Amino acid sequence: MKHRLRPQAAVATGFACLTAVGTAALMTPFAAADGHATAPSDALFTAASASCLTGLVTVDTAGHWSFAGKVVILALIQLGGLGFMTLASLAMLLLSGRLGLYARDGAGAEGRGPDYGSVSSVVAATVAFTLLIEAVVAMVLAVRFLVGYGMRPRRAIWEGVFHAVSGFNNAGFALYPDNVAGFAADAWVLLPLAFALIVGGLGFPVLHELLRRPRRFSLTARLTFQGTAVLVPAGALLVGLGEWRGAMAGMAVPEKLLNAFFSGVSPRTAGFNTLDYGSFHPSTLLGTDILMFLGAGSGGTAGGVKLTTAAVLVAAVIAEVRGERAVALRGRTVPAATLRQALAVLSFGVVLVVGCTTAILFLAPGFTTDQIAFETVSAFATVGLSTGITGELPLPAQLLLVALMFAGRVGPLSLATAMALRTGRRRYDYPEERPFIG
């Protein structure tokens, strides 16, 4: 009897293969602006960052890569965003008209939802909606670049498409040395990008549900909408208060408000930045760490532990404080298995971030704890924001960041499951005994 690779392992393998192919392509002389082969470490880091939708870089995207190299990066972002198993499922859908159980398992494991009966429609809607939003945002940006900055049509279209794809897929890659800081005063660029970031970060199952316009949204959708409505203003307030006279000191009030809003959106999902995070106050960096770690919607292009995970755990704490027997959210009881899953995701994320932060501090003692922690959280949450130290880290530290990006994109729980040799259930229970807690 042949053993078929489990869906979770197939997803992890798919992203690893995508990164490997991207690394090989970026190592070729054609991918570099100077015509010389790129170092394997820089090619690997860039490919992993693009396919995992992070945005951290060790070389300047604008200056180091040729047009061909930037096309490779764009392809990695798009393929990573849609998901390896989603593309495989779509191909099977087009060929056969329906998905097999294994492919449906794979799409669910990648993050597109566990409902086997609706996976086919979710996959098709995912691709269609992705291309639609990217096309709309690309058109708005291209017009702005053409009219407002006098770019030639071909360049305006190319830069509009690149940043629209990078934005919707929450990758944070930009074609400028200072990321998008050059547009800090341009709402016609920042607001479309913020729209793409928010929509892409909601998660494909939530977007699919939104398009169907049901009479009652699922608990996942409601938690995602409410979490987004709370954390975006909270992030804007954090940056506004912390950097009003700091990183934003030289800006006019309307520009400060625009950049505070944009900086409230970006940390939860993508690595676009208009401000210098290296100059941020430690308290602002810590608050940004929390926003990055929480992330956005499940099943989407954002990283982090996800809004629903945080909501379930907060509800569990509240239920315990109140002495309630069950955990409830918005009139629904949360199953014990879901609570354990949320706890596993949080624990795995904390262990990874703390462990890698400690290791990198040992490998790179010349940097502060704030800088290293910001870098590791950004990598795990696949955000891509940086205080500017990524390229200065030693190679072992950069490889740890690559591992973190991979773990953050595949998903802590899916990664742990893919690494497990087997799963099973005990046919017996041990006697119950309650240890003291706290």
Protein backbone atom coordinates (compact mmCIF):
# COMPACT_ATOMS: atom_id res chain seq x y z
CA MET A 1 0.00 0.00 0.00
CA LYS A 2 1.45 3.34 -1.02
CA HIS A 3 1.66 6.09 1.57
CA ARG A 4 0.50 9.42 0.21
CA LEU A 5 2.08 12.60 1.54
CA ARG A 6 -0.30 14.25 3.99
CA PRO A 7 -1.82 17.59 2.90
CA GLN A 8 -0.02 19.61 5.58
CA ALA A 9 3.31 18.09 4.56
CA ALA A 10 2.47 18.68 0.89
CA VAL A 11 1.85 22.37 1.57
CA ALA A 12 5.16 22.73 3.41
CA THR A 13 6.93 20.85 0.62
CA GLY A 14 5.26 23.05 -1.99
CA PHE A 15 6.48 26.28 -0.41
CA ALA A 16 9.96 24.80 0.04
CA CYS A 17 10.07 23.87 -3.65
CA LEU A 18 8.82 27.32 -4.67
CA THR A 19 11.58 28.91 -2.60
CA ALA A 20 14.19 26.57 -4.09
CA VAL A 21 13.14 27.37 -7.67
CA GLY A 22 13.09 31.09 -6.87
CA THR A 23 16.55 30.87 -5.34
CA ALA A 24 17.95 29.19 -8.44
CA ALA A 25 16.36 31.81 -10.70
CA LEU A 26 17.64 34.74 -8.64
CA MET A 27 21.18 33.34 -8.61
CA THR A 28 21.49 33.67 -12.39
CA PRO A 29 23.38 36.67 -13.82
CA PHE A 30 20.25 37.76 -15.70
CA ALA A 31 18.47 38.44 -12.41
CA ALA A 32 21.05 40.96 -11.18
CA ALA A 33 21.32 44.53 -12.42
CA ASP A 34 25.10 44.34 -12.72
CA GLY A 35 25.00 41.09 -14.72
CA HIS A 36 26.88 39.09 -12.08
CA ALA A 37 25.54 36.07 -10.22
CA THR A 38 23.99 36.87 -6.85
CA ALA A 39 25.37 35.18 -3.74
CA PRO A 40 23.35 32.04 -2.85
CA SER A 41 22.57 33.40 0.62
CA ASP A 42 21.07 36.64 -0.75
CA ALA A 43 19.14 34.76 -3.44
CA LEU A 44 17.76 32.30 -0.87
CA PHE A 45 16.77 35.06 1.54
CA THR A 46 15.01 37.07 -1.17
CA ALA A 47 13.22 34.03 -2.61
CA ALA A 48 12.05 32.90 0.83
CA SER A 49 10.93 36.42 1.70
CA ALA A 50 8.97 36.76 -1.56
CA SER A 51 7.33 33.32 -1.57
CA CYS A 52 6.50 33.60 2.14
CA LEU A 53 5.10 37.13 1.58
CA THR A 54 7.40 38.81 4.08
CA GLY A 55 9.37 41.65 2.53
CA LEU A 56 12.58 41.47 4.55
CA VAL A 57 15.61 41.88 2.28
CA THR A 58 19.38 41.61 2.53
CA VAL A 59 19.98 43.51 -0.73
CA ASP A 60 18.24 46.57 -2.13
CA THR A 61 15.33 45.40 -4.29
CA ALA A 62 15.40 48.53 -6.43
CA GLY A 63 19.12 48.64 -7.13
CA HIS A 64 20.33 45.04 -7.00
CA TRP A 65 17.83 43.21 -9.19
CA SER A 66 17.33 43.59 -12.93
CA PHE A 67 13.90 43.73 -14.53
CA ALA A 68 14.04 39.94 -14.93
CA GLY A 69 14.91 39.54 -11.26
CA LYS A 70 12.00 41.74 -10.24
CA VAL A 71 9.65 39.67 -12.43
CA VAL A 72 10.85 36.55 -10.60
CA ILE A 73 10.14 38.23 -7.26
CA LEU A 74 6.68 39.25 -8.47
CA ALA A 75 5.94 35.68 -9.59
CA LEU A 76 7.07 34.30 -6.23
CA ILE A 77 4.79 36.76 -4.43
CA GLN A 78 1.77 35.84 -6.55
CA LEU A 79 2.34 32.10 -6.31
CA GLY A 80 3.03 32.31 -2.60
CA GLY A 81 -0.09 34.40 -2.06
CA LEU A 82 -2.47 32.13 -3.87
CA GLY A 83 -0.85 29.15 -2.23
CA PHE A 84 0.76 26.09 -3.74
CA MET A 85 -2.14 23.78 -2.99
CA THR A 86 -4.70 26.36 -4.09
CA LEU A 87 -3.10 26.53 -7.53
CA ALA A 88 -2.91 22.74 -7.67
CA SER A 89 -6.55 22.48 -6.69
CA LEU A 90 -7.53 25.05 -9.31
CA ALA A 91 -5.74 23.09 -12.02
CA MET A 92 -7.56 19.93 -10.99
CA LEU A 93 -10.84 21.85 -10.88
CA LEU A 94 -10.39 23.10 -14.44
CA LEU A 95 -9.42 19.65 -15.73
CA SER A 96 -12.01 17.52 -13.98
CA GLY A 97 -14.71 19.92 -12.90
CA ARG A 98 -14.46 18.82 -9.30
CA LEU A 99 -11.86 18.28 -6.61
CA GLY A 100 -10.77 15.02 -5.07
CA LEU A 101 -10.81 14.58 -1.31
CA TYR A 102 -7.02 14.77 -1.07
CA ALA A 103 -6.87 18.06 -2.97
CA ARG A 104 -9.65 19.44 -0.79
CA ASP A 105 -7.67 18.44 2.28
CA GLY A 106 -4.69 20.28 0.84
CA ALA A 107 -6.59 23.47 0.16
CA GLY A 108 -7.96 23.41 3.69
CA ALA A 109 -4.53 22.78 5.19
CA GLU A 110 -3.06 25.71 3.24
CA GLY A 111 -5.60 27.99 4.88
CA ARG A 112 -8.60 28.26 2.55
CA GLY A 113 -11.17 26.77 4.90
CA PRO A 114 -12.15 23.34 6.24
CA ASP A 115 -15.57 22.96 4.62
CA TYR A 116 -15.09 20.17 2.08
CA GLY A 117 -18.35 20.98 0.38
CA SER A 118 -17.29 24.51 -0.55
CA VAL A 119 -13.57 24.21 -1.25
CA SER A 120 -14.05 24.16 -5.04
CA SER A 121 -15.97 27.42 -5.03
CA VAL A 122 -13.55 28.97 -2.53
CA VAL A 123 -10.55 28.16 -4.73
CA ALA A 124 -12.17 29.56 -7.87
CA ALA A 125 -13.41 32.66 -6.07
CA THR A 126 -10.00 33.15 -4.45
CA VAL A 127 -8.22 33.40 -7.79
CA ALA A 128 -10.89 35.53 -9.43
CA PHE A 129 -11.19 37.94 -6.52
CA THR A 130 -7.40 38.20 -6.17
CA LEU A 131 -6.94 39.15 -9.81
CA LEU A 132 -9.85 41.60 -9.67
CA ILE A 133 -8.59 43.51 -6.63
CA GLU A 134 -5.03 43.53 -7.94
CA ALA A 135 -6.22 44.86 -11.30
CA VAL A 136 -8.26 47.66 -9.71
CA VAL A 137 -5.46 48.76 -7.38
CA ALA A 138 -2.88 48.48 -10.19
CA MET A 139 -5.01 50.70 -12.41
CA VAL A 140 -5.40 53.37 -9.72
CA LEU A 141 -1.67 53.35 -8.96
CA ALA A 142 -0.68 53.37 -12.63
CA VAL A 143 -2.88 56.39 -13.33
CA ARG A 144 -1.38 58.18 -10.33
CA PHE A 145 2.18 57.37 -11.40
CA LEU A 146 1.40 58.46 -14.95
CA VAL A 147 -0.38 61.71 -14.13
CA GLY A 148 1.19 62.71 -10.83
CA TYR A 149 4.80 61.69 -11.42
CA GLY A 150 5.13 61.89 -15.18
CA MET A 151 6.19 58.27 -15.62
CA ARG A 152 6.08 56.71 -19.05
CA PRO A 153 3.02 54.49 -19.57
CA ARG A 154 4.98 51.23 -19.61
CA ARG A 155 6.80 52.06 -16.38
CA ALA A 156 3.64 53.35 -14.70
CA ILE A 157 1.76 50.15 -15.52
CA TRP A 158 4.66 47.93 -14.39
CA GLU A 159 5.08 49.73 -11.07
CA GLY A 160 1.33 49.82 -10.53
CA VAL A 161 1.03 46.07 -11.11
CA PHE A 162 4.05 45.23 -8.95
CA HIS A 163 2.90 47.23 -5.95
CA ALA A 164 -0.72 46.12 -6.30
CA VAL A 165 0.32 42.46 -6.26
CA SER A 166 2.79 43.08 -3.45
CA GLY A 167 0.13 44.96 -1.50
CA PHE A 168 -2.80 42.57 -1.86
CA ASN A 169 -0.54 39.61 -1.08
CA ASN A 170 0.83 41.48 1.92
CA ALA A 171 4.41 41.05 0.74
CA GLY A 172 5.67 44.60 1.27
CA PHE A 173 8.23 44.51 -1.55
CA ALA A 174 8.68 47.88 -3.27
CA LEU A 175 10.65 49.07 -6.29
CA TYR A 176 12.24 52.00 -4.46
CA PRO A 177 15.31 52.14 -2.17
CA ASP A 178 13.26 53.75 0.64
CA ASN A 179 10.29 51.39 0.17
CA VAL A 180 7.28 53.74 -0.19
CA ALA A 181 8.62 56.58 1.98
CA GLY A 182 8.75 58.77 -1.12
CA PHE A 183 4.94 58.73 -1.17
CA ALA A 184 4.54 59.73 2.49
CA ALA A 185 2.50 62.79 1.50
CA ASP A 186 0.56 61.12 -1.33
CA ALA A 187 -2.82 59.77 -0.27
CA TRP A 188 -3.52 58.65 -3.86
CA VAL A 189 -0.78 56.05 -3.44
CA LEU A 190 -0.98 55.15 0.25
CA LEU A 191 -4.75 54.74 0.52
CA PRO A 192 -5.07 52.27 -2.41
CA LEU A 193 -2.15 50.33 -0.94
CA ALA A 194 -3.79 50.35 2.50
CA PHE A 195 -7.03 49.11 0.92
CA ALA A 196 -5.16 46.25 -0.75
CA LEU A 197 -3.40 45.37 2.51
CA ILE A 198 -6.63 45.28 4.52
CA VAL A 199 -8.61 43.27 1.96
CA GLY A 200 -5.80 40.78 1.44
CA GLY A 201 -5.37 40.43 5.19
CA LEU A 202 -9.01 39.56 5.85
CA GLY A 203 -8.50 36.00 4.64
CA PHE A 204 -9.96 34.24 1.63
CA PRO A 205 -12.70 32.33 3.51
CA VAL A 206 -13.95 35.62 4.95
CA LEU A 207 -13.82 37.33 1.55
CA HIS A 208 -15.68 34.43 -0.04
CA GLU A 209 -18.34 34.69 2.64
CA LEU A 210 -18.54 38.46 2.16
CA LEU A 211 -19.14 38.01 -1.57
CA ARG A 212 -21.99 35.59 -0.89
CA ARG A 213 -23.59 38.16 1.44
CA PRO A 214 -25.25 35.70 3.83
CA ARG A 215 -27.98 36.70 6.25
CA ARG A 216 -25.66 35.87 9.13
CA PHE A 217 -21.87 35.89 8.98
CA SER A 218 -19.89 33.07 10.51
CA LEU A 219 -18.08 33.53 13.81
CA THR A 220 -14.75 33.62 11.97
CA ALA A 221 -15.91 36.44 9.72
CA ARG A 222 -17.35 38.48 12.57
CA LEU A 223 -14.22 38.12 14.69
CA THR A 224 -12.04 39.08 11.73
CA PHE A 225 -14.10 42.17 10.89
CA GLN A 226 -14.27 43.29 14.51
CA GLY A 227 -10.59 42.61 15.15
CA THR A 228 -9.61 44.61 12.08
CA ALA A 229 -11.90 47.47 13.11
CA VAL A 230 -10.21 47.59 16.52
CA LEU A 231 -6.55 46.98 15.67
CA VAL A 232 -6.20 49.33 12.69
CA PRO A 233 -7.23 52.43 14.73
CA ALA A 234 -5.23 51.09 17.69
CA GLY A 235 -2.12 50.81 15.53
CA ALA A 236 -2.66 54.28 14.09
CA LEU A 237 -3.08 55.69 17.59
CA LEU A 238 0.07 53.89 18.75
CA VAL A 239 2.22 55.36 15.98
CA GLY A 240 0.52 58.75 16.13
CA LEU A 241 1.11 59.20 19.85
CA GLY A 242 4.53 57.58 19.91
CA GLU A 243 6.03 59.25 16.84
CA TRP A 244 4.13 62.55 16.52
CA ARG A 245 7.26 64.42 17.56
CA GLY A 246 9.62 61.60 16.66
CA ALA A 247 9.69 59.89 13.26
CA MET A 248 6.90 62.20 12.00
CA ALA A 249 8.32 65.43 13.48
CA GLY A 250 8.86 67.20 10.16
CA MET A 251 5.45 66.45 8.66
CA ALA A 252 2.34 68.61 8.45
CA VAL A 253 -0.68 67.49 10.49
CA PRO A 254 -2.63 65.95 7.55
CA GLU A 255 0.52 64.08 6.51
CA LYS A 256 1.03 62.85 10.08
CA LEU A 257 -2.52 61.52 10.22
CA LEU A 258 -2.12 59.78 6.85
CA ASN A 259 1.15 58.13 7.88
CA ALA A 260 -0.18 57.15 11.30
CA PHE A 261 -3.11 55.40 9.60
CA PHE A 262 -0.86 53.68 7.05
CA SER A 263 1.51 52.62 9.83
CA GLY A 264 -1.48 51.20 11.70
CA VAL A 265 -2.41 49.03 8.73
CA SER A 266 1.00 47.83 7.56
CA PRO A 267 2.39 46.15 10.73
CA ARG A 268 -0.51 43.71 10.95
CA THR A 269 -0.05 42.43 7.43
CA ALA A 270 2.72 43.79 5.21
CA GLY A 271 6.10 45.48 5.27
CA PHE A 272 5.38 48.69 3.38
CA ASN A 273 6.74 51.62 5.35
CA THR A 274 6.75 55.38 4.98
CA LEU A 275 8.56 55.98 8.26
CA ASP A 276 12.00 54.98 9.52
CA TYR A 277 11.36 52.22 12.07
CA GLY A 278 15.00 52.43 13.11
CA SER A 279 14.23 55.80 14.70
CA PHE A 280 11.10 54.65 16.55
CA HIS A 281 10.81 54.93 20.33
CA PRO A 282 11.20 51.54 22.09
CA SER A 283 7.58 51.68 23.29
CA THR A 284 6.35 52.15 19.71
CA LEU A 285 8.51 49.25 18.56
CA LEU A 286 7.08 47.04 21.31
CA GLY A 287 3.52 47.95 20.38
CA THR A 288 4.32 47.24 16.73
CA ASP A 289 5.75 43.86 17.79
CA ILE A 290 2.37 43.00 19.31
CA LEU A 291 0.47 44.10 16.19
CA MET A 292 2.76 42.04 13.96
CA PHE A 293 2.52 38.96 16.18
CA LEU A 294 -1.30 39.09 16.21
CA GLY A 295 -1.52 39.41 12.42
CA ALA A 296 -4.82 39.51 10.56
CA GLY A 297 -7.42 37.06 9.22
CA SER A 298 -7.04 33.29 8.98
CA GLY A 299 -6.57 31.73 5.57
CA GLY A 300 -5.32 34.91 3.96
CA THR A 301 -2.01 36.39 2.93
CA ALA A 302 -1.13 37.82 6.35
CA GLY A 303 0.98 36.06 8.96
CA GLY A 304 1.01 36.11 12.74
CA VAL A 305 -1.05 33.94 15.05
CA LYS A 306 -4.24 35.46 13.56
CA LEU A 307 -7.12 37.47 15.01
CA THR A 308 -9.36 34.47 15.65
CA THR A 309 -6.64 32.76 17.67
CA ALA A 310 -6.26 35.81 19.89
CA ALA A 311 -10.03 36.19 20.26
CA VAL A 312 -10.50 32.57 21.32
CA LEU A 313 -7.74 32.80 23.93
CA VAL A 314 -9.03 36.10 25.33
CA ALA A 315 -12.51 34.57 25.57
CA ALA A 316 -11.03 31.56 27.40
CA VAL A 317 -9.35 33.82 29.96
CA ILE A 318 -12.58 35.77 30.49
CA ALA A 319 -14.57 32.55 30.89
CA GLU A 320 -12.09 31.25 33.46
CA VAL A 321 -12.16 34.51 35.44
CA ARG A 322 -15.96 34.42 35.48
CA GLY A 323 -16.00 30.77 36.48
CA GLU A 324 -17.98 29.72 33.40
CA ARG A 325 -17.92 26.08 32.33
CA ALA A 326 -17.66 26.77 28.60
CA VAL A 327 -15.90 29.32 26.42
CA ALA A 328 -18.39 31.43 24.47
CA LEU A 329 -17.93 33.98 21.68
CA ARG A 330 -20.71 36.04 20.15
CA GLY A 331 -23.41 33.61 21.23
CA ARG A 332 -21.48 30.52 20.16
CA THR A 333 -19.71 27.91 22.29
CA VAL A 334 -16.09 27.35 21.29
CA PRO A 335 -15.20 23.62 21.17
CA ALA A 336 -12.41 22.41 23.45
CA ALA A 337 -10.47 21.19 20.40
CA THR A 338 -10.49 24.73 18.94
CA LEU A 339 -9.24 26.13 22.23
CA ARG A 340 -6.38 23.62 22.28
CA GLN A 341 -5.55 24.50 18.68
CA ALA A 342 -5.43 28.21 19.49
CA LEU A 343 -3.21 27.55 22.48
CA ALA A 344 -0.90 25.39 20.35
CA VAL A 345 -0.58 28.10 17.69
CA LEU A 346 0.20 30.77 20.29
CA SER A 347 2.66 28.56 22.17
CA PHE A 348 4.46 27.48 19.01
CA GLY A 349 4.75 31.09 17.86
CA VAL A 350 6.06 32.30 21.22
CA VAL A 351 8.62 29.49 21.41
CA LEU A 352 9.85 30.20 17.87
CA VAL A 353 10.14 33.96 18.36
CA VAL A 354 11.74 33.80 21.81
CA GLY A 355 14.10 31.00 20.79
CA CYS A 356 15.24 32.71 17.59
CA THR A 357 15.56 36.09 19.31
CA THR A 358 17.82 34.55 21.93
CA ALA A 359 19.89 32.73 19.31
CA ILE A 360 20.34 35.81 17.11
CA LEU A 361 21.31 37.93 20.12
CA PHE A 362 24.07 35.39 20.71
CA LEU A 363 25.09 35.40 17.04
CA ALA A 364 24.91 39.20 16.64
CA PRO A 365 25.79 40.78 20.00
CA GLY A 366 26.28 44.20 18.43
CA PHE A 367 22.54 44.83 18.13
CA THR A 368 20.00 45.69 20.82
CA THR A 369 17.27 43.36 22.06
CA ASP A 370 14.65 45.75 20.65
CA GLN A 371 16.16 45.52 17.17
CA ILE A 372 16.52 41.73 17.17
CA ALA A 373 13.08 41.12 18.66
CA PHE A 374 11.52 43.41 16.04
CA GLU A 375 13.33 41.51 13.29
CA THR A 376 12.29 38.05 14.51
CA VAL A 377 8.66 38.97 15.11
CA SER A 378 8.55 40.57 11.66
CA ALA A 379 9.96 37.41 10.09
CA PHE A 380 7.64 35.02 11.95
CA ALA A 381 4.58 37.17 11.26
CA THR A 382 5.71 37.51 7.60
CA VAL A 383 5.38 41.30 7.87
CA GLY A 384 8.73 42.51 6.56
CA LEU A 385 9.18 45.68 8.59
CA SER A 386 12.74 46.22 9.80
CA THR A 387 14.83 48.66 11.77
CA GLY A 388 17.38 48.40 8.96
CA ILE A 389 19.64 45.67 10.29
CA THR A 390 18.63 42.66 8.14
CA GLY A 391 21.52 42.92 5.69
CA GLU A 392 24.01 43.52 8.51
CA LEU A 393 23.21 40.31 10.38
CA PRO A 394 25.65 37.38 10.08
CA LEU A 395 24.70 34.54 7.74
CA PRO A 396 23.57 32.11 10.51
CA ALA A 397 21.20 34.77 11.85
CA GLN A 398 19.80 35.39 8.36
CA LEU A 399 19.20 31.66 7.91
CA LEU A 400 17.27 31.63 11.17
CA LEU A 401 15.09 34.42 9.79
CA VAL A 402 14.51 32.34 6.64
CA ALA A 403 13.33 29.46 8.84
CA LEU A 404 11.06 31.83 10.74
CA MET A 405 9.53 33.19 7.54
CA PHE A 406 8.86 29.67 6.32
CA ALA A 407 7.28 28.67 9.63
CA GLY A 408 5.18 31.82 9.69
CA ARG A 409 3.85 31.32 6.16
CA VAL A 410 3.08 27.62 6.41
CA GLY A 411 1.50 28.16 9.80
CA PRO A 412 2.79 27.05 13.21
CA LEU A 413 0.25 24.29 13.68
CA SER A 414 0.44 23.06 10.06
CA LEU A 415 4.23 23.06 10.25
CA ALA A 416 4.19 21.03 13.45
CA THR A 417 1.71 18.58 11.92
CA ALA A 418 3.75 18.22 8.74
CA MET A 419 6.84 17.42 10.79
CA ALA A 420 5.06 14.75 12.84
CA LEU A 421 5.65 11.19 11.70
CA ARG A 422 2.22 9.96 12.61
CA THR A 423 -0.89 10.89 14.52
CA GLY A 424 -3.14 8.64 16.52
CA ARG A 425 -5.52 8.42 19.44
CA ARG A 426 -5.01 6.54 22.66
CA ARG A 427 -7.57 3.83 23.26
CA TYR A 428 -7.48 4.45 26.99
CA ASP A 429 -7.56 7.37 29.45
CA TYR A 430 -5.39 8.00 32.49
CA PRO A 431 -6.88 8.76 35.91
CA GLU A 432 -7.66 12.46 36.35
CA GLU A 433 -5.64 14.61 38.74
CA ARG A 434 -5.51 18.40 38.85
CA PRO A 435 -2.10 20.02 39.48
CA PHE A 436 -1.95 23.44 41.13
CA ILE A 437 -1.85 26.29 38.59
CA GLY A 438 -0.41 29.71 39.37
